[in-house]
Amino acid sequence: PVPLSERLVIVVASRLVLRKGVDLLAQLLPLVCERHPNVHFIVCGDGNKRIVIEEVRERYKLHDRVDMRGEVPHCDMPSVLQEGHLFLNCSLTEAFCMAIIEAASCGLLVVSTNVGGVPEVLPEDMIVLCEPRVQDLLEAVTRAIAMCPSVSPQAFHDRMVTMYDWRKVAARTERVYRDALQLPPKTLADRFRGALSCGPVAGKVFVLVVAAAAFWLWILDWLGQGQGADAANNNTPPRAQKGKAPSPTTKRRQQPHRKAKLASPAR
């Protein structure tokens, strides 16, 4: 990689729309470039907010510091990510954010807003979290830049391969469902108490909603509408009987899943 004292590349890859925090990014770009003269940006993606980034680049004369790549095919993203040292996510809302996993897999330290499920995706030493405010993002980027010399891209990649092995993901998902099945069923009184806890006004509204739903389900049950519903089957593949070869379907089910291939860091 290029020595950090000479050049540090921050990669941004997302749809350039309001939900992805493009307005925050537009305000952040000139501040980071002013505070850190060795920082350059690669911005990948397209959307109706792209013009905002281009206007900022024009106003502050950042053409040589902010590289607008446009929409990049997914198959080309590993090579783009491997050009960078940091990955920046400014999203205002996010469920999981697969992009930060791909970035960490390519050896990049991640800076992200602390929204949605993002805090649960990566370990603390692989991500710097902050509130979705411009000043907080600026300080988070500054902290991440100081951490960059100690980052091992290959170590990041190896950890991601281990963390997101599909067998382990499936086992964790199964454990969540099994734990949920162990919870005692809620009575109607429990549901009313939960609805009332939502507030003095909203709680009463939710109680009416719960009561209406319970009454409607009682009517359907009284009319016998649930009698024709198919019962859930146990889809566990049967074990092959002794002396008999398993069917082709059972063979396919018993084949181990292939591990998902993650891009190896080139730096």
C-alpha atoms as a PDB file:
ATOM      1  CA  PRO A   1       0.000   0.000   0.000  1.00  0.00           C
ATOM      2  CA  VAL A   2       0.930   3.654  -0.345  1.00  0.00           C
ATOM      3  CA  PRO A   3       2.460   4.915   2.943  1.00  0.00           C
ATOM      4  CA  LEU A   4      -0.175   6.551   5.130  1.00  0.00           C
ATOM      5  CA  SER A   5       1.990   9.630   5.596  1.00  0.00           C
ATOM      6  CA  GLU A   6       1.669  10.332   1.866  1.00  0.00           C
ATOM      7  CA  ARG A   7      -1.818   9.206   0.907  1.00  0.00           C
ATOM      8  CA  LEU A   8      -4.834   7.698   2.640  1.00  0.00           C
ATOM      9  CA  VAL A   9      -7.883   6.603   0.660  1.00  0.00           C
ATOM     10  CA  ILE A  10     -11.424   6.555   2.063  1.00  0.00           C
ATOM     11  CA  VAL A  11     -13.940   4.537   0.045  1.00  0.00           C
ATOM     12  CA  VAL A  12     -17.645   5.355  -0.006  1.00  0.00           C
ATOM     13  CA  ALA A  13     -19.882   2.852  -1.813  1.00  0.00           C
ATOM     14  CA  SER A  14     -23.659   3.155  -1.658  1.00  0.00           C
ATOM     15  CA  ARG A  15     -26.680   4.435  -3.486  1.00  0.00           C
ATOM     16  CA  LEU A  16     -26.467   8.227  -3.415  1.00  0.00           C
ATOM     17  CA  VAL A  17     -29.877   8.846  -1.896  1.00  0.00           C
ATOM     18  CA  LEU A  18     -31.198  10.588   1.212  1.00  0.00           C
ATOM     19  CA  ARG A  19     -31.409   7.428   3.353  1.00  0.00           C
ATOM     20  CA  LYS A  20     -27.702   6.749   2.821  1.00  0.00           C
ATOM     21  CA  GLY A  21     -26.746  10.055   4.435  1.00  0.00           C
ATOM     22  CA  VAL A  22     -25.466  11.758   1.293  1.00  0.00           C
ATOM     23  CA  ASP A  23     -26.209  15.204   2.765  1.00  0.00           C
ATOM     24  CA  LEU A  24     -23.958  14.328   5.723  1.00  0.00           C
ATOM     25  CA  LEU A  25     -21.271  13.110   3.337  1.00  0.00           C
ATOM     26  CA  ALA A  26     -21.466  16.310   1.303  1.00  0.00           C
ATOM     27  CA  GLN A  27     -20.813  18.420   4.414  1.00  0.00           C
ATOM     28  CA  LEU A  28     -18.114  16.056   5.648  1.00  0.00           C
ATOM     29  CA  LEU A  29     -15.958  15.946   2.506  1.00  0.00           C
ATOM     30  CA  PRO A  30     -14.491  19.492   2.677  1.00  0.00           C
ATOM     31  CA  LEU A  31     -13.964  19.233   6.448  1.00  0.00           C
ATOM     32  CA  VAL A  32     -11.975  15.991   6.194  1.00  0.00           C
ATOM     33  CA  CYS A  33      -9.954  17.278   3.243  1.00  0.00           C
ATOM     34  CA  GLU A  34      -9.113  20.466   5.161  1.00  0.00           C
ATOM     35  CA  ARG A  35      -8.088  18.655   8.351  1.00  0.00           C
ATOM     36  CA  HIS A  36      -6.205  15.817   6.615  1.00  0.00           C
ATOM     37  CA  PRO A  37      -4.316  16.987   3.503  1.00  0.00           C
ATOM     38  CA  ASN A  38      -3.223  13.417   2.675  1.00  0.00           C
ATOM     39  CA  VAL A  39      -6.788  12.026   2.478  1.00  0.00           C
ATOM     40  CA  HIS A  40      -8.436  11.161  -0.838  1.00  0.00           C
ATOM     41  CA  PHE A  41     -11.954   9.855  -1.426  1.00  0.00           C
ATOM     42  CA  ILE A  42     -13.335   7.285  -3.854  1.00  0.00           C
ATOM     43  CA  VAL A  43     -17.116   7.632  -4.134  1.00  0.00           C
ATOM     44  CA  CYS A  44     -18.950   4.759  -5.846  1.00  0.00           C
ATOM     45  CA  GLY A  45     -22.644   4.736  -6.571  1.00  0.00           C
ATOM     46  CA  ASP A  46     -25.390   6.688  -8.257  1.00  0.00           C
ATOM     47  CA  GLY A  47     -28.694   8.240  -7.266  1.00  0.00           C
ATOM     48  CA  ASN A  48     -30.687  11.434  -7.157  1.00  0.00           C
ATOM     49  CA  LYS A  49     -28.300  12.940  -4.572  1.00  0.00           C
ATOM     50  CA  ARG A  50     -25.184  12.530  -6.700  1.00  0.00           C
ATOM     51  CA  ILE A  51     -25.492  16.139  -7.836  1.00  0.00           C
ATOM     52  CA  VAL A  52     -25.020  17.253  -4.199  1.00  0.00           C
ATOM     53  CA  ILE A  53     -21.589  15.594  -4.020  1.00  0.00           C
ATOM     54  CA  GLU A  54     -20.603  16.973  -7.414  1.00  0.00           C
ATOM     55  CA  GLU A  55     -21.603  20.505  -6.377  1.00  0.00           C
ATOM     56  CA  VAL A  56     -19.466  20.257  -3.227  1.00  0.00           C
ATOM     57  CA  ARG A  57     -16.525  18.964  -5.226  1.00  0.00           C
ATOM     58  CA  GLU A  58     -16.910  21.898  -7.615  1.00  0.00           C
ATOM     59  CA  ARG A  59     -17.406  24.542  -4.905  1.00  0.00           C
ATOM     60  CA  TYR A  60     -14.377  23.511  -2.838  1.00  0.00           C
ATOM     61  CA  LYS A  61     -12.204  22.547  -5.843  1.00  0.00           C
ATOM     62  CA  LEU A  62     -11.788  18.944  -4.679  1.00  0.00           C
ATOM     63  CA  HIS A  63     -11.526  17.337  -8.120  1.00  0.00           C
ATOM     64  CA  ASP A  64      -8.102  15.895  -7.302  1.00  0.00           C
ATOM     65  CA  ARG A  65      -9.257  14.692  -3.850  1.00  0.00           C
ATOM     66  CA  VAL A  66     -12.701  13.196  -4.568  1.00  0.00           C
ATOM     67  CA  ASP A  67     -12.877  10.562  -7.299  1.00  0.00           C
ATOM     68  CA  MET A  68     -16.453  10.012  -8.493  1.00  0.00           C
ATOM     69  CA  ARG A  69     -16.588   6.477  -9.927  1.00  0.00           C
ATOM     70  CA  GLY A  70     -20.341   6.298 -10.548  1.00  0.00           C
ATOM     71  CA  GLU A  71     -22.125   2.968 -10.496  1.00  0.00           C
ATOM     72  CA  VAL A  72     -19.584   0.147 -10.186  1.00  0.00           C
ATOM     73  CA  PRO A  73     -20.500  -3.479 -11.052  1.00  0.00           C
ATOM     74  CA  HIS A  74     -20.528  -5.677  -7.972  1.00  0.00           C
ATOM     75  CA  CYS A  75     -17.890  -7.978  -9.460  1.00  0.00           C
ATOM     76  CA  ASP A  76     -15.487  -5.008  -9.669  1.00  0.00           C
ATOM     77  CA  MET A  77     -16.031  -3.772  -6.101  1.00  0.00           C
ATOM     78  CA  PRO A  78     -13.295  -5.920  -4.480  1.00  0.00           C
ATOM     79  CA  SER A  79     -10.619  -4.247  -6.616  1.00  0.00           C
ATOM     80  CA  VAL A  80     -12.036  -0.816  -5.758  1.00  0.00           C
ATOM     81  CA  LEU A  81     -12.142  -1.585  -2.041  1.00  0.00           C
ATOM     82  CA  GLN A  82      -8.553  -2.819  -2.146  1.00  0.00           C
ATOM     83  CA  GLU A  83      -7.480   0.677  -3.231  1.00  0.00           C
ATOM     84  CA  GLY A  84      -8.618   2.091   0.106  1.00  0.00           C
ATOM     85  CA  HIS A  85      -7.619   2.147   3.765  1.00  0.00           C
ATOM     86  CA  LEU A  86     -10.971   3.183   5.294  1.00  0.00           C
ATOM     87  CA  PHE A  87     -14.591   2.540   4.386  1.00  0.00           C
ATOM     88  CA  LEU A  88     -17.121   5.223   5.265  1.00  0.00           C
ATOM     89  CA  ASN A  89     -20.846   4.576   5.781  1.00  0.00           C
ATOM     90  CA  CYS A  90     -23.028   7.622   6.538  1.00  0.00           C
ATOM     91  CA  SER A  91     -26.431   5.899   6.469  1.00  0.00           C
ATOM     92  CA  LEU A  92     -29.317   7.425   8.405  1.00  0.00           C
ATOM     93  CA  THR A  93     -31.082   4.054   8.652  1.00  0.00           C
ATOM     94  CA  GLU A  94     -29.693   0.576   8.085  1.00  0.00           C
ATOM     95  CA  ALA A  95     -30.880  -2.941   8.767  1.00  0.00           C
ATOM     96  CA  PHE A  96     -27.626  -4.868   8.366  1.00  0.00           C
ATOM     97  CA  CYS A  97     -25.345  -3.166   5.792  1.00  0.00           C
ATOM     98  CA  MET A  98     -23.652  -5.893   3.782  1.00  0.00           C
ATOM     99  CA  ALA A  99     -21.266  -3.265   2.368  1.00  0.00           C
ATOM    100  CA  ILE A 100     -19.313  -2.967   5.617  1.00  0.00           C
ATOM    101  CA  ILE A 101     -18.795  -6.746   5.711  1.00  0.00           C
ATOM    102  CA  GLU A 102     -17.412  -6.659   2.165  1.00  0.00           C
ATOM    103  CA  ALA A 103     -15.159  -3.734   3.094  1.00  0.00           C
ATOM    104  CA  ALA A 104     -13.803  -5.463   6.209  1.00  0.00           C
ATOM    105  CA  SER A 105     -13.245  -8.614   4.163  1.00  0.00           C
ATOM    106  CA  CYS A 106     -11.038  -6.575   1.844  1.00  0.00           C
ATOM    107  CA  GLY A 107      -9.012  -5.324   4.817  1.00  0.00           C
ATOM    108  CA  LEU A 108     -10.545  -1.887   5.377  1.00  0.00           C
ATOM    109  CA  LEU A 109     -11.220  -0.346   8.761  1.00  0.00           C
ATOM    110  CA  VAL A 110     -14.850   0.846   8.817  1.00  0.00           C
ATOM    111  CA  VAL A 111     -16.295   4.159   9.985  1.00  0.00           C
ATOM    112  CA  SER A 112     -20.085   4.084  10.264  1.00  0.00           C
ATOM    113  CA  THR A 113     -23.042   5.818  11.794  1.00  0.00           C
ATOM    114  CA  ASN A 114     -24.461   3.987  14.800  1.00  0.00           C
ATOM    115  CA  VAL A 115     -27.869   3.135  13.335  1.00  0.00           C
ATOM    116  CA  GLY A 116     -30.027   0.024  12.980  1.00  0.00           C
ATOM    117  CA  GLY A 117     -28.201  -3.282  13.168  1.00  0.00           C
ATOM    118  CA  VAL A 118     -24.778  -1.867  12.243  1.00  0.00           C
ATOM    119  CA  PRO A 119     -23.292  -2.132  15.792  1.00  0.00           C
ATOM    120  CA  GLU A 120     -23.890  -5.902  15.738  1.00  0.00           C
ATOM    121  CA  VAL A 121     -22.175  -6.588  12.412  1.00  0.00           C
ATOM    122  CA  LEU A 122     -18.465  -6.116  13.219  1.00  0.00           C
ATOM    123  CA  PRO A 123     -16.275  -6.349  16.352  1.00  0.00           C
ATOM    124  CA  GLU A 124     -15.329  -3.083  18.055  1.00  0.00           C
ATOM    125  CA  ASP A 125     -11.733  -3.143  16.808  1.00  0.00           C
ATOM    126  CA  MET A 126     -12.888  -3.327  13.174  1.00  0.00           C
ATOM    127  CA  ILE A 127     -15.346  -0.422  13.190  1.00  0.00           C
ATOM    128  CA  VAL A 128     -15.539   3.121  14.573  1.00  0.00           C
ATOM    129  CA  LEU A 129     -19.143   4.079  15.338  1.00  0.00           C
ATOM    130  CA  CYS A 130     -20.586   7.559  15.733  1.00  0.00           C
ATOM    131  CA  GLU A 131     -23.884   9.402  15.707  1.00  0.00           C
ATOM    132  CA  PRO A 132     -25.235  10.575  12.331  1.00  0.00           C
ATOM    133  CA  ARG A 133     -23.961  14.124  12.749  1.00  0.00           C
ATOM    134  CA  VAL A 134     -21.296  15.869  10.693  1.00  0.00           C
ATOM    135  CA  GLN A 135     -19.010  16.766  13.600  1.00  0.00           C
ATOM    136  CA  ASP A 136     -19.257  13.268  15.075  1.00  0.00           C
ATOM    137  CA  LEU A 137     -18.397  11.749  11.697  1.00  0.00           C
ATOM    138  CA  LEU A 138     -15.403  14.066  11.365  1.00  0.00           C
ATOM    139  CA  GLU A 139     -14.051  13.012  14.773  1.00  0.00           C
ATOM    140  CA  ALA A 140     -14.696   9.331  13.996  1.00  0.00           C
ATOM    141  CA  VAL A 141     -12.771   9.592  10.723  1.00  0.00           C
ATOM    142  CA  THR A 142      -9.905  11.277  12.566  1.00  0.00           C
ATOM    143  CA  ARG A 143      -9.790   8.442  15.133  1.00  0.00           C
ATOM    144  CA  ALA A 144      -9.903   5.829  12.393  1.00  0.00           C
ATOM    145  CA  ILE A 145      -7.040   7.479  10.498  1.00  0.00           C
ATOM    146  CA  ALA A 146      -4.910   7.238  13.644  1.00  0.00           C
ATOM    147  CA  MET A 147      -5.777   3.524  13.900  1.00  0.00           C
ATOM    148  CA  CYS A 148      -4.884   2.705  10.285  1.00  0.00           C
ATOM    149  CA  PRO A 149      -1.149   1.950  10.799  1.00  0.00           C
ATOM    150  CA  SER A 150      -2.049  -0.893  13.185  1.00  0.00           C
ATOM    151  CA  VAL A 151      -4.606  -2.501  10.851  1.00  0.00           C
ATOM    152  CA  SER A 152      -3.637  -5.794   9.206  1.00  0.00           C
ATOM    153  CA  PRO A 153      -5.768  -6.266   6.057  1.00  0.00           C
ATOM    154  CA  GLN A 154      -5.013  -9.983   5.891  1.00  0.00           C
ATOM    155  CA  ALA A 155      -5.998 -10.447   9.532  1.00  0.00           C
ATOM    156  CA  PHE A 156      -9.264  -8.605   8.895  1.00  0.00           C
ATOM    157  CA  HIS A 157     -10.008 -10.875   5.942  1.00  0.00           C
ATOM    158  CA  ASP A 158      -9.224 -14.065   7.853  1.00  0.00           C
ATOM    159  CA  ARG A 159     -11.503 -13.043  10.717  1.00  0.00           C
ATOM    160  CA  MET A 160     -14.372 -12.224   8.373  1.00  0.00           C
ATOM    161  CA  VAL A 161     -14.087 -15.627   6.696  1.00  0.00           C
ATOM    162  CA  THR A 162     -14.389 -17.248  10.118  1.00  0.00           C
ATOM    163  CA  MET A 163     -17.181 -14.994  11.426  1.00  0.00           C
ATOM    164  CA  TYR A 164     -19.432 -15.262   8.401  1.00  0.00           C
ATOM    165  CA  ASP A 165     -18.991 -18.916   7.528  1.00  0.00           C
ATOM    166  CA  TRP A 166     -22.477 -19.995   6.396  1.00  0.00           C
ATOM    167  CA  ARG A 167     -22.489 -23.046   8.671  1.00  0.00           C
ATOM    168  CA  LYS A 168     -21.965 -20.820  11.692  1.00  0.00           C
ATOM    169  CA  VAL A 169     -24.561 -18.324  10.474  1.00  0.00           C
ATOM    170  CA  ALA A 170     -27.081 -21.164  10.087  1.00  0.00           C
ATOM    171  CA  ALA A 171     -26.244 -22.527  13.552  1.00  0.00           C
ATOM    172  CA  ARG A 172     -26.702 -19.091  15.165  1.00  0.00           C
ATOM    173  CA  THR A 173     -30.001 -18.584  13.337  1.00  0.00           C
ATOM    174  CA  GLU A 174     -31.240 -21.983  14.467  1.00  0.00           C
ATOM    175  CA  ARG A 175     -30.263 -21.165  18.053  1.00  0.00           C
ATOM    176  CA  VAL A 176     -32.314 -17.940  17.949  1.00  0.00           C
ATOM    177  CA  TYR A 177     -35.402 -19.802  16.757  1.00  0.00           C
ATOM    178  CA  ARG A 178     -34.953 -22.568  19.328  1.00  0.00           C
ATOM    179  CA  ASP A 179     -34.654 -19.988  22.110  1.00  0.00           C
ATOM    180  CA  ALA A 180     -37.819 -18.297  20.832  1.00  0.00           C
ATOM    181  CA  LEU A 181     -39.670 -21.614  20.953  1.00  0.00           C
ATOM    182  CA  GLN A 182     -38.760 -21.992  24.627  1.00  0.00           C
ATOM    183  CA  LEU A 183     -40.509 -18.731  25.569  1.00  0.00           C
ATOM    184  CA  PRO A 184     -43.892 -19.208  27.258  1.00  0.00           C
ATOM    185  CA  PRO A 185     -46.857 -18.158  25.079  1.00  0.00           C
ATOM    186  CA  LYS A 186     -48.309 -14.747  25.903  1.00  0.00           C
ATOM    187  CA  THR A 187     -51.835 -14.559  27.262  1.00  0.00           C
ATOM    188  CA  LEU A 188     -54.285 -11.912  26.123  1.00  0.00           C
ATOM    189  CA  ALA A 189     -53.748 -10.103  29.435  1.00  0.00           C
ATOM    190  CA  ASP A 190     -49.984 -10.018  28.764  1.00  0.00           C
ATOM    191  CA  ARG A 191     -50.636  -8.461  25.361  1.00  0.00           C
ATOM    192  CA  PHE A 192     -52.904  -5.825  26.890  1.00  0.00           C
ATOM    193  CA  ARG A 193     -50.228  -4.931  29.475  1.00  0.00           C
ATOM    194  CA  GLY A 194     -47.609  -4.673  26.733  1.00  0.00           C
ATOM    195  CA  ALA A 195     -49.863  -2.407  24.679  1.00  0.00           C
ATOM    196  CA  LEU A 196     -50.594  -0.147  27.672  1.00  0.00           C
ATOM    197  CA  SER A 197     -46.853   0.319  28.289  1.00  0.00           C
ATOM    198  CA  CYS A 198     -46.579   2.197  24.973  1.00  0.00           C
ATOM    199  CA  GLY A 199     -47.890   5.424  26.510  1.00  0.00           C
ATOM    200  CA  PRO A 200     -50.960   7.110  27.973  1.00  0.00           C
ATOM    201  CA  VAL A 201     -52.550   7.755  24.568  1.00  0.00           C
ATOM    202  CA  ALA A 202     -50.897   5.284  22.190  1.00  0.00           C
ATOM    203  CA  GLY A 203     -51.274   2.530  24.795  1.00  0.00           C
ATOM    204  CA  LYS A 204     -55.056   2.830  24.808  1.00  0.00           C
ATOM    205  CA  VAL A 205     -55.137   2.826  21.002  1.00  0.00           C
ATOM    206  CA  PHE A 206     -52.967  -0.310  20.857  1.00  0.00           C
ATOM    207  CA  VAL A 207     -55.199  -2.020  23.435  1.00  0.00           C
ATOM    208  CA  LEU A 208     -58.172  -1.466  21.127  1.00  0.00           C
ATOM    209  CA  VAL A 209     -56.167  -2.864  18.205  1.00  0.00           C
ATOM    210  CA  VAL A 210     -55.171  -5.956  20.208  1.00  0.00           C
ATOM    211  CA  ALA A 211     -58.764  -6.458  21.378  1.00  0.00           C
ATOM    212  CA  ALA A 212     -60.127  -6.130  17.832  1.00  0.00           C
ATOM    213  CA  ALA A 213     -57.549  -8.609  16.482  1.00  0.00           C
ATOM    214  CA  ALA A 214     -58.310 -11.103  19.275  1.00  0.00           C
ATOM    215  CA  PHE A 215     -62.050 -10.792  18.669  1.00  0.00           C
ATOM    216  CA  TRP A 216     -61.600 -11.311  14.911  1.00  0.00           C
ATOM    217  CA  LEU A 217     -59.466 -14.423  15.496  1.00  0.00           C
ATOM    218  CA  TRP A 218     -62.126 -15.753  17.891  1.00  0.00           C
ATOM    219  CA  ILE A 219     -64.797 -15.271  15.226  1.00  0.00           C
ATOM    220  CA  LEU A 220     -62.699 -17.077  12.612  1.00  0.00           C
ATOM    221  CA  ASP A 221     -62.097 -19.929  15.026  1.00  0.00           C
ATOM    222  CA  TRP A 222     -65.809 -20.125  15.881  1.00  0.00           C
ATOM    223  CA  LEU A 223     -66.670 -20.275  12.169  1.00  0.00           C
ATOM    224  CA  GLY A 224     -64.179 -23.105  11.765  1.00  0.00           C
ATOM    225  CA  GLN A 225     -61.968 -21.226   9.289  1.00  0.00           C
ATOM    226  CA  GLY A 226     -58.824 -22.743  10.739  1.00  0.00           C
ATOM    227  CA  GLN A 227     -59.910 -26.343  10.421  1.00  0.00           C
ATOM    228  CA  GLY A 228     -58.866 -26.635   6.785  1.00  0.00           C
ATOM    229  CA  ALA A 229     -55.370 -25.187   7.315  1.00  0.00           C
ATOM    230  CA  ASP A 230     -52.491 -27.554   6.697  1.00  0.00           C
ATOM    231  CA  ALA A 231     -50.445 -28.422   9.758  1.00  0.00           C
ATOM    232  CA  ALA A 232     -46.723 -27.643   9.577  1.00  0.00           C
ATOM    233  CA  ASN A 233     -44.695 -30.731   8.755  1.00  0.00           C
ATOM    234  CA  ASN A 234     -41.339 -31.712  10.154  1.00  0.00           C
ATOM    235  CA  ASN A 235     -39.121 -31.299   7.103  1.00  0.00           C
ATOM    236  CA  THR A 236     -36.111 -33.016   8.648  1.00  0.00           C
ATOM    237  CA  PRO A 237     -34.840 -35.438   5.983  1.00  0.00           C
ATOM    238  CA  PRO A 238     -35.476 -39.056   7.083  1.00  0.00           C
ATOM    239  CA  ARG A 239     -32.460 -41.191   7.806  1.00  0.00           C
ATOM    240  CA  ALA A 240     -31.721 -43.808   5.219  1.00  0.00           C
ATOM    241  CA  GLN A 241     -32.995 -47.197   6.285  1.00  0.00           C
ATOM    242  CA  LYS A 242     -30.358 -49.785   7.001  1.00  0.00           C
ATOM    243  CA  GLY A 243     -29.322 -51.501   3.828  1.00  0.00           C
ATOM    244  CA  LYS A 244     -31.069 -48.977   1.565  1.00  0.00           C
ATOM    245  CA  ALA A 245     -29.396 -46.159  -0.324  1.00  0.00           C
ATOM    246  CA  PRO A 246     -30.705 -42.669   0.407  1.00  0.00           C
ATOM    247  CA  SER A 247     -32.827 -41.016  -2.263  1.00  0.00           C
ATOM    248  CA  PRO A 248     -31.282 -38.359  -4.555  1.00  0.00           C
ATOM    249  CA  THR A 249     -33.241 -35.680  -2.672  1.00  0.00           C
ATOM    250  CA  THR A 250     -31.819 -36.817   0.666  1.00  0.00           C
ATOM    251  CA  LYS A 251     -28.330 -36.890  -0.826  1.00  0.00           C
ATOM    252  CA  ARG A 252     -28.671 -33.292  -1.957  1.00  0.00           C
ATOM    253  CA  ARG A 253     -29.890 -32.242   1.472  1.00  0.00           C
ATOM    254  CA  GLN A 254     -26.994 -33.980   3.183  1.00  0.00           C
ATOM    255  CA  GLN A 255     -24.344 -32.360   1.018  1.00  0.00           C
ATOM    256  CA  PRO A 256     -22.400 -29.703   2.935  1.00  0.00           C
ATOM    257  CA  HIS A 257     -22.898 -26.138   1.825  1.00  0.00           C
ATOM    258  CA  ARG A 258     -20.005 -24.443   0.116  1.00  0.00           C
ATOM    259  CA  LYS A 259     -18.313 -21.671   1.965  1.00  0.00           C
ATOM    260  CA  ALA A 260     -19.014 -18.194   0.635  1.00  0.00           C
ATOM    261  CA  LYS A 261     -15.939 -16.776  -1.018  1.00  0.00           C
ATOM    262  CA  LEU A 262     -14.822 -13.429   0.320  1.00  0.00           C
ATOM    263  CA  ALA A 263     -12.416 -11.222  -1.520  1.00  0.00           C
ATOM    264  CA  SER A 264      -8.851 -11.446  -0.249  1.00  0.00           C
ATOM    265  CA  PRO A 265      -7.138  -8.140   0.515  1.00  0.00           C
ATOM    266  CA  ALA A 266      -4.461  -7.181  -1.971  1.00  0.00           C
ATOM    267  CA  ARG A 267      -2.785  -4.679   0.308  1.00  0.00           C
END
